[in-house]
Amino acid sequence: MKNKKILIVEDEQIIAENLRLILNEYGYNFVDVAMDVEETEAFFKNTSYDLVLMDINLGETSIIDGIDLIKILLQEHSFVYIYVTANADKKTIDKAKKTSPVGYIIKPFIKTSIYANVEMALSTLNKQQVFNHSYKGRKQQILISDIAYIAADGAYIKIITLDNKTHFSRKSLLDFYDEFPEMFIRVHKSNLINKHHLQSYSSQIVKVNNEDIPLGRMYKQNFLDQIKDLSFL
């Protein structure tokens, strides 16, 4: 796991460098540091990270906090993340837990706490749910967390991933939903969406991965019920 790519997002340089040194000491050598939202987005344009250590308070000049930044990044990227923060109040923790982090470290921290949380977080990468199937003799494996939405297409379903690639499968929408009910919402007779990649919605449309998908009238109430506890921009 020492070859995993880690990004530290921390607006205080001394803390950021301390985290980097701790990770280097434990053998993690691919570690980048971003000081703000713009640097974070720039790093993600060039690198696919396995783990992000995210500060929640990104400074007085930042218009969003680290939790909101995580939600933005997850719309286009797949990674695990740990919050590293001085915020231990109930309101912040309640907001953070809605994004399902794999860890929450309170500052000031000790290096063994960083090591333990990072090791546990990276171990989950090997346990992520995958969808295995064959299409025209080719075996394919897709991370469930990378799926944006699924659309019925005659005898097949089209699986659209966050990188806008389309995969085909003979599995039905219903079979797929039954296998992964905690991840997907039926929004139309022909569409399932990954609820963790929901960007916005209106009375007739949901937006996922920058695509407008129809929200069927008979599916609307169930959709609203399932997104009650979600927090997104």
Foldseek 3Di string as FASTA:
>chain_A
DLAFAEEEEAQDPVVQVVLQVLNVVVRNDRYYYHLALVSVVVVVVPDAGAEYAAEFDSDPPHPHGRQQSVLVVLLQHDYAYEYEYQDDDPVVVLSNCLLPHQYYHHPPDDSVVVVVSVVSRNVCVVVFDWDWDDDPRDIDIGGPSQWFKWFDDVQWIWTAGSVRDTDIDNDDPVRVCVVPVLQWADFDPTMIGGLSQWADDDPFWTAGSNDTDGGDPVRVVVVCVSCPSHDHD
